[in-house]
Amino acid sequence: MTFQHWALFVGLAAAIFSAALSWVASLGSDEAATIASATRSWGGLWRQVLHIDAVHAAYYGVMHLWFDVWGANAFTLRIFSALCVGATSYLIALLGRRLIDARVGVVSAVVYALLPRVTFAGADGRSPALSALLVVAATLVLLVALERGRVGAWVAYGALVAVNGNINFYSLLVIACHVILVSRRPKLRAWLMSAGVGAITALPVVALSLRQSDQVSWIKAPNPHYLSLVFVDQWGEVNGFAAGLIWVGAGIGIYILLQRAQRRLPLFLVVASLGPLIVVLAASFVTPVYQPRYLTSSTPFVAIALAVAVAALRQRRLIAATLVAALAISLPSWGQQRTLKVKEGTDWKSVATFVGAQRDRDIVEAAIYGPTPIMTYRSTRRIALGYPGAFDGLIDVTRGKEAGMIDYLWGHDDDPLRHLNRIKQADRVYLLVAEKALPKWGKGVPQALVKAGFEQTSVTTVAGTRVTIYNRIAG
């Protein structure tokens, strides 16, 4: 097989590895937010990002286009991220060959796909997998621009910087590390111009995001737990053993490059891997903004450093055995990331599946959304927004205003007793309430439904959510 064949094969295998069993996990709030936002009208999405989630505006726009073609559900949401991982693995092979050699390129692609931080991103319906892809693409185009010096290459690089900054402005910290790869003054000037113009396009997103910083107020200030976040979760996610090997292996790779009398490349790999982390950690002492997944775009350079260490084994059998061992080490976290309740401990999937199985599309049906099981201050409407197929066509009795008509991400919940006129034409009503919230919801709403001519026909508790079905009494 030629190098191109190996690169394509690894890229395809990486996409399959990321996608496999990704459908098992229930959606969490972040992924439901992607579906809820990306399925709005363009006008509704614009209104939303002016008030919340501006940092994800470009990503939501990309997913809007994706959902227009493939539909919006948990599988299509996550398969996009898996495809991004596959494409990134392929491009890392090309990047590794340009920076070092073909063997390191192919090994880098394999290592990248096995990193626990990447296996998480590939099964998660958010932007990290895409941001890593864009960073690698920008780095490759930069190398082409430095080699050929053509205006078109610099324009393409600037465009990729712009897209990077708008998809995830943390990626601009990696882009800044590209200065290390630029040596000659004329090329430095071209880089500054291209990168600068591209970065400027992200300023509106940065400004809006700073105004909306309250939405990440849940992130805790630096504390002893940060040691675990940095040294384990950053690259190893939940896999402490893998994390330790990653730190050691990457260090060995950098040492090997230094022994080869190289300076610029190991410096770039170190700064691209750790520079953004250090900057964000420092900023967190002022305003907490650090979460390991936000810096996924640095993982390709960690993978290249690791690949240098693996490729130094020289013999193909040893390299293959090492990669098989890496797969075995990665599998526990890969499997854990694909369990039902891995996202915030939620199991919205089971609730949606149950409701979908009870639906009768030949009658008029309505839903009353109460609190969710894990966080009772949140509405079970999030389940409907995350799994729209199961709830499509239901009259929303609890709705104050449609999510797409206001700036609030999830819509506005109102007292259902104020809107019982909405069920005048309904033949069936689904009441979804967390069991722990029943003392508040267990009397008033059911009594009102009975008074309105409904009778309780079934009560089922699914993953902490009590689903009560009321059918209209005939006559």
Protein backbone atom coordinates (compact mmCIF):
# COMPACT_ATOMS: atom_id res chain seq x y z
CA MET A 1 0.00 0.00 0.00
CA THR A 2 1.15 3.51 -0.79
CA PHE A 3 1.28 6.27 1.81
CA GLN A 4 -1.96 7.77 0.47
CA HIS A 5 -3.70 4.42 0.79
CA TRP A 6 -2.51 4.06 4.39
CA ALA A 7 -3.61 7.61 5.23
CA LEU A 8 -7.07 7.07 3.75
CA PHE A 9 -7.41 3.68 5.44
CA VAL A 10 -6.50 5.10 8.86
CA GLY A 11 -8.84 8.04 8.35
CA LEU A 12 -11.74 5.74 7.49
CA ALA A 13 -10.94 3.43 10.41
CA ALA A 14 -10.76 6.43 12.76
CA ALA A 15 -14.21 7.61 11.68
CA ILE A 16 -15.67 4.13 12.17
CA PHE A 17 -13.97 3.74 15.56
CA SER A 18 -15.39 7.08 16.73
CA ALA A 19 -18.86 6.41 15.36
CA ALA A 20 -19.16 2.85 16.70
CA LEU A 21 -21.73 2.62 19.52
CA SER A 22 -21.94 6.42 19.74
CA TRP A 23 -25.71 6.03 19.47
CA VAL A 24 -25.90 4.18 22.79
CA ALA A 25 -25.39 7.21 25.03
CA SER A 26 -28.37 9.38 25.84
CA LEU A 27 -28.16 13.01 24.82
CA GLY A 28 -27.14 15.53 27.45
CA SER A 29 -27.97 19.22 27.72
CA ASP A 30 -25.09 20.41 25.52
CA GLU A 31 -25.98 18.08 22.67
CA ALA A 32 -29.67 18.87 23.01
CA ALA A 33 -28.66 22.54 22.77
CA THR A 34 -26.99 21.79 19.43
CA ILE A 35 -30.15 20.20 18.05
CA ALA A 36 -32.44 22.86 19.53
CA SER A 37 -30.31 25.69 18.13
CA ALA A 38 -29.40 24.24 14.75
CA THR A 39 -33.02 23.34 13.94
CA ARG A 40 -34.25 26.90 14.42
CA SER A 41 -34.89 29.10 11.43
CA TRP A 42 -31.91 31.24 10.42
CA GLY A 43 -33.71 34.24 11.89
CA GLY A 44 -34.41 32.39 15.11
CA LEU A 45 -30.78 31.30 15.38
CA TRP A 46 -29.63 34.88 14.83
CA ARG A 47 -31.91 36.14 17.60
CA GLN A 48 -30.61 33.45 19.92
CA VAL A 49 -26.88 34.03 19.47
CA LEU A 50 -27.29 37.75 20.07
CA HIS A 51 -28.23 36.80 23.63
CA ILE A 52 -26.78 33.36 24.35
CA ASP A 53 -24.34 30.83 22.86
CA ALA A 54 -22.66 33.28 20.47
CA VAL A 55 -19.50 31.26 21.01
CA HIS A 56 -21.20 28.38 19.18
CA ALA A 57 -22.93 30.45 16.48
CA ALA A 58 -20.80 29.29 13.54
CA TYR A 59 -20.95 25.66 14.67
CA TYR A 60 -24.73 25.86 14.93
CA GLY A 61 -24.78 27.29 11.42
CA VAL A 62 -22.74 24.35 10.10
CA MET A 63 -25.03 21.88 11.87
CA HIS A 64 -28.09 23.69 10.53
CA LEU A 65 -26.87 22.92 7.00
CA TRP A 66 -25.98 19.35 8.01
CA PHE A 67 -29.42 18.72 9.52
CA ASP A 68 -31.10 20.17 6.42
CA VAL A 69 -29.55 17.31 4.45
CA TRP A 70 -29.51 14.41 6.92
CA GLY A 71 -32.17 15.29 9.48
CA ALA A 72 -31.74 16.09 13.17
CA ASN A 73 -31.33 13.23 15.61
CA ALA A 74 -28.72 11.85 18.00
CA PHE A 75 -27.06 9.68 15.34
CA THR A 76 -26.73 12.34 12.63
CA LEU A 77 -25.51 14.78 15.28
CA ARG A 78 -22.69 12.53 16.45
CA ILE A 79 -21.75 11.01 13.09
CA PHE A 80 -20.69 14.50 12.00
CA SER A 81 -18.13 14.58 14.82
CA ALA A 82 -16.96 11.05 13.97
CA LEU A 83 -16.42 12.07 10.35
CA CYS A 84 -14.44 15.08 11.56
CA VAL A 85 -12.17 12.75 13.55
CA GLY A 86 -11.66 10.58 10.48
CA ALA A 87 -10.82 13.58 8.30
CA THR A 88 -8.46 14.92 10.96
CA SER A 89 -6.64 11.59 11.17
CA TYR A 90 -6.14 11.65 7.41
CA LEU A 91 -4.83 15.22 7.46
CA ILE A 92 -2.55 14.47 10.43
CA ALA A 93 -0.95 11.73 8.34
CA LEU A 94 -0.19 14.35 5.67
CA LEU A 95 1.00 16.84 8.27
CA GLY A 96 3.25 14.31 10.00
CA ARG A 97 4.84 13.41 6.67
CA ARG A 98 5.53 17.07 5.86
CA LEU A 99 6.97 17.80 9.28
CA ILE A 100 8.97 14.58 9.73
CA ASP A 101 8.40 11.55 7.49
CA ALA A 102 5.71 9.21 6.15
CA ARG A 103 6.04 6.66 8.97
CA VAL A 104 5.50 9.29 11.64
CA GLY A 105 2.58 10.62 9.61
CA VAL A 106 0.72 7.31 9.55
CA VAL A 107 1.50 6.54 13.19
CA SER A 108 0.33 10.04 14.18
CA ALA A 109 -2.99 9.42 12.47
CA VAL A 110 -3.50 6.17 14.39
CA VAL A 111 -2.42 7.64 17.72
CA TYR A 112 -4.72 10.63 17.29
CA ALA A 113 -7.76 8.41 16.76
CA LEU A 114 -6.95 6.46 19.95
CA LEU A 115 -6.46 9.41 22.31
CA PRO A 116 -9.27 9.30 24.91
CA ARG A 117 -9.88 13.02 24.49
CA VAL A 118 -10.47 12.37 20.79
CA THR A 119 -12.65 9.28 21.24
CA PHE A 120 -14.86 11.47 23.45
CA ALA A 121 -14.99 14.29 20.89
CA GLY A 122 -15.84 11.84 18.11
CA ALA A 123 -18.96 10.67 19.94
CA ASP A 124 -20.06 14.11 21.15
CA GLY A 125 -22.39 16.44 19.29
CA ARG A 126 -20.39 19.60 19.92
CA SER A 127 -17.63 21.53 18.14
CA PRO A 128 -14.28 20.13 19.48
CA ALA A 129 -13.88 17.48 16.76
CA LEU A 130 -14.51 20.07 14.06
CA SER A 131 -12.16 22.61 15.65
CA ALA A 132 -9.32 20.05 15.70
CA LEU A 133 -9.92 19.31 12.02
CA LEU A 134 -9.77 22.99 11.12
CA VAL A 135 -6.56 23.56 13.10
CA VAL A 136 -4.79 20.71 11.30
CA ALA A 137 -6.08 21.94 7.94
CA ALA A 138 -4.79 25.45 8.70
CA THR A 139 -1.39 24.08 9.72
CA LEU A 140 -1.11 22.09 6.49
CA VAL A 141 -2.06 25.07 4.34
CA LEU A 142 0.46 27.21 6.22
CA LEU A 143 3.24 24.77 5.32
CA VAL A 144 2.16 24.91 1.67
CA ALA A 145 2.15 28.72 1.79
CA LEU A 146 5.61 28.79 3.35
CA GLU A 147 6.91 26.38 0.73
CA ARG A 148 5.36 27.95 -2.37
CA GLY A 149 4.72 31.51 -1.28
CA ARG A 150 1.67 31.87 -3.51
CA VAL A 151 -0.97 34.46 -2.74
CA GLY A 152 -3.74 31.89 -3.07
CA ALA A 153 -2.22 29.74 -0.33
CA TRP A 154 -2.00 32.70 2.03
CA VAL A 155 -5.60 33.65 1.27
CA ALA A 156 -6.70 30.07 1.97
CA TYR A 157 -4.75 30.12 5.22
CA GLY A 158 -6.37 33.39 6.30
CA ALA A 159 -9.79 31.95 5.49
CA LEU A 160 -9.08 28.88 7.62
CA VAL A 161 -7.92 31.07 10.49
CA ALA A 162 -11.21 32.96 10.23
CA VAL A 163 -13.25 29.77 10.28
CA ASN A 164 -11.19 28.44 13.19
CA GLY A 165 -11.78 31.57 15.24
CA ASN A 166 -15.52 31.54 14.63
CA ILE A 167 -16.01 27.82 15.30
CA ASN A 168 -13.92 27.87 18.50
CA PHE A 169 -11.92 30.97 19.37
CA TYR A 170 -9.74 28.91 21.72
CA SER A 171 -8.26 27.51 18.49
CA LEU A 172 -6.71 30.90 17.79
CA LEU A 173 -4.29 30.14 20.62
CA VAL A 174 -2.99 27.22 18.54
CA ILE A 175 -2.94 29.37 15.40
CA ALA A 176 -0.72 31.86 17.26
CA CYS A 177 1.82 29.06 17.72
CA HIS A 178 2.26 28.94 13.93
CA VAL A 179 4.64 31.87 14.25
CA ILE A 180 7.28 29.35 15.35
CA LEU A 181 7.12 27.68 11.93
CA VAL A 182 7.69 30.97 10.12
CA SER A 183 11.38 31.79 9.77
CA ARG A 184 12.04 34.42 7.13
CA ARG A 185 10.96 38.03 7.59
CA PRO A 186 9.01 38.37 4.29
CA LYS A 187 7.06 35.23 5.14
CA LEU A 188 6.54 36.47 8.68
CA ARG A 189 4.93 39.57 7.24
CA ALA A 190 2.66 37.47 5.04
CA TRP A 191 1.75 35.26 7.99
CA LEU A 192 0.95 38.23 10.21
CA MET A 193 -1.29 39.69 7.52
CA SER A 194 -3.15 36.45 6.76
CA ALA A 195 -3.50 35.33 10.38
CA GLY A 196 -4.35 38.85 11.55
CA VAL A 197 -7.11 39.40 9.01
CA GLY A 198 -8.52 35.96 9.74
CA ALA A 199 -8.43 36.50 13.50
CA ILE A 200 -10.14 39.89 13.20
CA THR A 201 -13.23 38.19 11.78
CA ALA A 202 -13.62 36.36 15.09
CA LEU A 203 -13.68 39.57 17.14
CA PRO A 204 -17.49 39.98 17.00
CA VAL A 205 -17.89 36.42 18.32
CA VAL A 206 -15.33 37.05 21.05
CA ALA A 207 -17.02 40.32 22.05
CA LEU A 208 -20.49 38.77 22.18
CA SER A 209 -19.17 35.76 24.08
CA LEU A 210 -17.57 37.99 26.70
CA ARG A 211 -20.91 39.73 27.18
CA GLN A 212 -22.52 36.32 27.62
CA SER A 213 -19.87 34.98 30.01
CA ASP A 214 -22.52 34.27 32.65
CA GLN A 215 -23.44 31.13 30.72
CA VAL A 216 -20.14 29.54 31.83
CA SER A 217 -20.50 30.68 35.42
CA TRP A 218 -20.78 26.99 36.34
CA ILE A 219 -17.05 26.56 35.67
CA LYS A 220 -15.23 26.55 38.99
CA ALA A 221 -12.24 28.72 39.80
CA PRO A 222 -8.81 27.02 39.98
CA ASN A 223 -8.72 24.55 42.85
CA PRO A 224 -6.92 21.26 43.68
CA HIS A 225 -9.27 19.40 41.32
CA TYR A 226 -7.60 21.25 38.44
CA LEU A 227 -4.61 18.93 38.86
CA SER A 228 -6.79 16.03 37.77
CA LEU A 229 -8.35 18.06 34.96
CA VAL A 230 -4.95 19.06 33.57
CA PHE A 231 -2.91 15.90 34.04
CA VAL A 232 -5.63 13.30 33.48
CA ASP A 233 -8.72 14.68 31.76
CA GLN A 234 -6.97 16.98 29.30
CA TRP A 235 -5.62 14.15 27.15
CA GLY A 236 -6.77 10.99 28.94
CA GLU A 237 -10.38 12.05 29.63
CA VAL A 238 -11.37 9.48 32.29
CA ASN A 239 -8.42 7.17 31.64
CA GLY A 240 -5.68 7.96 34.16
CA PHE A 241 -3.34 5.21 32.97
CA ALA A 242 -3.58 6.41 29.38
CA ALA A 243 -3.03 10.00 30.50
CA GLY A 244 0.22 9.09 32.24
CA LEU A 245 1.51 7.25 29.18
CA ILE A 246 0.54 10.18 26.94
CA TRP A 247 2.54 12.69 29.00
CA VAL A 248 5.57 10.40 29.18
CA GLY A 249 5.38 9.30 25.54
CA ALA A 250 5.01 12.84 24.23
CA GLY A 251 7.99 13.90 26.34
CA ILE A 252 10.08 11.08 24.86
CA GLY A 253 9.05 12.14 21.36
CA ILE A 254 10.16 15.72 22.00
CA TYR A 255 13.47 14.48 23.43
CA ILE A 256 14.09 12.36 20.32
CA LEU A 257 13.52 15.35 18.05
CA LEU A 258 15.94 17.43 20.12
CA GLN A 259 18.55 14.65 19.84
CA ARG A 260 18.25 14.96 16.07
CA ALA A 261 19.48 18.54 16.38
CA GLN A 262 16.03 19.88 15.57
CA ARG A 263 14.86 22.92 17.50
CA ARG A 264 12.00 24.61 15.69
CA LEU A 265 9.77 21.53 15.31
CA PRO A 266 9.93 20.26 18.93
CA LEU A 267 9.41 23.82 20.14
CA PHE A 268 6.33 24.13 17.95
CA LEU A 269 4.89 20.81 19.15
CA VAL A 270 5.44 21.72 22.80
CA VAL A 271 3.97 25.20 22.47
CA ALA A 272 1.01 24.06 20.32
CA SER A 273 0.25 21.29 22.82
CA LEU A 274 0.75 23.20 26.07
CA GLY A 275 0.66 26.89 25.18
CA PRO A 276 -3.13 27.19 24.89
CA LEU A 277 -3.52 25.17 28.10
CA ILE A 278 -1.18 27.49 30.02
CA VAL A 279 -2.88 30.63 28.69
CA VAL A 280 -6.37 29.38 29.55
CA LEU A 281 -5.27 28.24 33.01
CA ALA A 282 -3.76 31.66 33.68
CA ALA A 283 -6.93 33.38 32.48
CA SER A 284 -9.00 31.17 34.77
CA PHE A 285 -7.48 32.85 37.82
CA VAL A 286 -9.32 35.97 36.65
CA THR A 287 -12.41 34.41 35.05
CA PRO A 288 -12.78 30.61 35.13
CA VAL A 289 -12.88 29.44 31.50
CA TYR A 290 -11.00 26.14 31.57
CA GLN A 291 -12.60 22.87 30.57
CA PRO A 292 -10.44 20.11 29.03
CA ARG A 293 -12.69 19.60 26.01
CA TYR A 294 -12.36 23.27 25.02
CA LEU A 295 -8.71 22.60 24.10
CA THR A 296 -9.25 19.51 21.95
CA SER A 297 -7.69 21.41 19.03
CA SER A 298 -4.26 20.89 20.65
CA THR A 299 -4.50 17.10 20.57
CA PRO A 300 -3.17 16.64 17.00
CA PHE A 301 0.22 17.97 18.08
CA VAL A 302 0.28 15.72 21.14
CA ALA A 303 -0.39 12.83 18.75
CA ILE A 304 2.55 13.79 16.53
CA ALA A 305 4.91 13.98 19.52
CA LEU A 306 3.73 10.55 20.64
CA ALA A 307 4.14 9.18 17.13
CA VAL A 308 7.78 10.25 17.05
CA ALA A 309 8.40 8.08 20.11
CA VAL A 310 6.54 5.10 18.63
CA ALA A 311 8.15 5.41 15.19
CA ALA A 312 11.59 5.44 16.84
CA LEU A 313 11.10 1.71 17.48
CA ARG A 314 11.89 1.34 13.75
CA GLN A 315 10.81 -2.29 13.32
CA ARG A 316 7.31 -2.50 11.87
CA ARG A 317 6.34 -5.36 14.16
CA LEU A 318 7.28 -3.39 17.26
CA ILE A 319 5.42 -0.34 16.01
CA ALA A 320 2.35 -2.42 15.20
CA ALA A 321 2.48 -4.13 18.61
CA THR A 322 2.75 -0.74 20.33
CA LEU A 323 -0.27 0.59 18.45
CA VAL A 324 -2.27 -2.52 19.33
CA ALA A 325 -1.32 -1.96 22.98
CA ALA A 326 -2.44 1.66 22.62
CA LEU A 327 -5.79 0.44 21.32
CA ALA A 328 -6.15 -1.88 24.31
CA ILE A 329 -5.34 0.98 26.70
CA SER A 330 -7.83 3.27 24.96
CA LEU A 331 -10.72 0.79 24.92
CA PRO A 332 -11.84 1.17 28.57
CA SER A 333 -12.43 4.91 28.21
CA TRP A 334 -13.85 4.43 24.70
CA GLY A 335 -16.38 2.00 26.13
CA GLN A 336 -17.21 4.18 29.11
CA GLN A 337 -17.87 7.11 26.77
CA ARG A 338 -20.48 5.02 25.00
CA THR A 339 -22.62 4.00 27.97
CA LEU A 340 -26.22 5.11 28.31
CA LYS A 341 -25.89 7.68 31.11
CA VAL A 342 -22.43 9.09 30.40
CA LYS A 343 -23.80 12.56 29.55
CA GLU A 344 -24.48 14.26 32.89
CA GLY A 345 -26.02 11.05 34.22
CA THR A 346 -29.12 11.63 32.09
CA ASP A 347 -31.21 9.02 30.32
CA TRP A 348 -33.42 11.12 28.10
CA LYS A 349 -33.10 8.51 25.39
CA SER A 350 -35.20 5.96 27.29
CA VAL A 351 -37.87 8.55 28.07
CA ALA A 352 -38.08 9.61 24.42
CA THR A 353 -38.18 5.99 23.26
CA PHE A 354 -41.03 5.22 25.65
CA VAL A 355 -43.07 8.27 24.63
CA GLY A 356 -42.47 7.54 20.96
CA ALA A 357 -43.77 3.99 21.43
CA GLN A 358 -46.99 5.30 23.04
CA ARG A 359 -47.75 7.86 20.35
CA ASP A 360 -50.87 7.60 18.21
CA ARG A 361 -50.45 9.82 15.17
CA ASP A 362 -54.13 9.48 14.25
CA ILE A 363 -55.33 11.51 17.24
CA VAL A 364 -54.55 14.95 18.67
CA GLU A 365 -51.97 14.70 21.46
CA ALA A 366 -50.47 17.19 23.90
CA ALA A 367 -47.62 17.28 26.42
CA ILE A 368 -47.10 18.96 29.77
CA TYR A 369 -43.43 19.31 30.69
CA GLY A 370 -42.37 19.33 34.34
CA PRO A 371 -38.90 19.20 35.95
CA THR A 372 -36.15 16.78 34.83
CA PRO A 373 -34.83 14.07 37.20
CA ILE A 374 -31.16 15.10 37.52
CA MET A 375 -31.67 18.86 37.69
CA THR A 376 -35.22 19.74 38.70
CA TYR A 377 -34.78 23.40 37.76
CA ARG A 378 -34.65 22.23 34.14
CA SER A 379 -37.73 21.32 32.13
CA THR A 380 -38.37 17.98 30.46
CA ARG A 381 -38.93 20.04 27.32
CA ARG A 382 -35.18 19.53 26.83
CA ILE A 383 -35.92 15.88 26.16
CA ALA A 384 -38.36 16.88 23.43
CA LEU A 385 -35.86 19.30 21.90
CA GLY A 386 -33.11 16.67 21.97
CA TYR A 387 -35.32 13.93 20.53
CA PRO A 388 -37.76 15.86 18.32
CA GLY A 389 -38.88 12.77 16.42
CA ALA A 390 -40.57 11.26 19.49
CA PHE A 391 -42.40 14.48 20.38
CA ASP A 392 -43.15 15.87 16.93
CA GLY A 393 -46.71 17.16 16.61
CA LEU A 394 -47.48 17.31 20.34
CA ILE A 395 -49.26 20.42 21.58
CA ASP A 396 -46.97 22.05 24.16
CA VAL A 397 -49.25 23.02 27.04
CA THR A 398 -46.39 24.38 29.16
CA ARG A 399 -44.98 26.68 26.49
CA GLY A 400 -44.84 30.37 27.31
CA LYS A 401 -43.08 31.43 24.11
CA GLU A 402 -41.49 29.34 21.39
CA ALA A 403 -37.73 28.95 21.77
CA GLY A 404 -37.25 30.19 18.20
CA MET A 405 -39.16 33.39 18.92
CA ILE A 406 -37.19 34.51 21.97
CA ASP A 407 -33.57 34.74 23.03
CA TYR A 408 -33.82 31.91 25.56
CA LEU A 409 -32.29 28.67 24.35
CA TRP A 410 -34.94 26.26 25.61
CA GLY A 411 -38.10 28.28 25.26
CA HIS A 412 -40.05 29.64 28.21
CA ASP A 413 -41.93 27.41 30.64
CA ASP A 414 -45.24 28.72 31.89
CA ASP A 415 -47.75 27.40 34.43
CA PRO A 416 -49.71 24.70 32.54
CA LEU A 417 -52.83 25.55 34.53
CA ARG A 418 -52.89 28.90 32.69
CA HIS A 419 -52.99 27.21 29.29
CA LEU A 420 -55.37 24.28 29.65
CA ASN A 421 -57.42 25.80 26.84
CA ARG A 422 -54.75 24.35 24.54
CA ILE A 423 -55.99 20.82 25.21
CA LYS A 424 -59.59 21.47 24.14
CA GLN A 425 -59.04 19.53 20.93
CA ALA A 426 -56.62 16.99 22.43
CA ASP A 427 -57.53 13.33 22.81
CA ARG A 428 -54.45 12.41 24.86
CA VAL A 429 -52.07 14.25 27.20
CA TYR A 430 -48.59 13.15 28.30
CA LEU A 431 -47.42 14.51 31.65
CA LEU A 432 -43.63 14.24 32.09
CA VAL A 433 -42.39 15.05 35.59
CA ALA A 434 -39.36 14.05 37.64
CA GLU A 435 -40.38 11.74 40.46
CA LYS A 436 -38.64 13.96 43.00
CA ALA A 437 -40.82 16.89 41.87
CA LEU A 438 -44.12 15.06 42.37
CA PRO A 439 -44.99 16.82 45.66
CA LYS A 440 -45.34 20.03 43.64
CA TRP A 441 -46.73 18.56 40.42
CA GLY A 442 -48.60 15.54 41.71
CA LYS A 443 -51.96 17.16 42.53
CA GLY A 444 -52.88 20.41 40.79
CA VAL A 445 -52.20 19.44 37.18
CA PRO A 446 -53.74 15.92 37.39
CA GLN A 447 -56.86 17.31 39.07
CA ALA A 448 -57.18 19.95 36.36
CA LEU A 449 -56.87 17.31 33.65
CA VAL A 450 -59.59 15.17 35.24
CA LYS A 451 -61.80 18.24 35.51
CA ALA A 452 -61.17 18.93 31.81
CA GLY A 453 -62.57 15.51 30.89
CA PHE A 454 -59.50 13.26 30.93
CA GLU A 455 -58.82 10.07 32.82
CA GLN A 456 -55.47 8.64 33.86
CA THR A 457 -54.82 5.48 31.84
CA SER A 458 -51.20 4.66 32.65
CA VAL A 459 -48.31 5.69 34.88
CA THR A 460 -44.78 4.60 34.02
CA THR A 461 -41.50 5.70 35.57
CA VAL A 462 -38.67 5.79 33.04
CA ALA A 463 -35.17 6.74 34.21
CA GLY A 464 -36.49 8.90 37.04
CA THR A 465 -39.16 10.59 34.91
CA ARG A 466 -42.78 9.70 35.59
CA VAL A 467 -44.73 9.60 32.34
CA THR A 468 -48.46 9.73 33.01
CA ILE A 469 -50.87 9.33 30.11
CA TYR A 470 -54.35 10.84 30.20
CA ASN A 471 -56.98 9.97 27.58
CA ARG A 472 -60.15 11.96 26.99
CA ILE A 473 -63.26 10.27 28.34
CA ALA A 474 -65.55 9.32 25.46
CA GLY A 475 -68.84 11.09 25.26
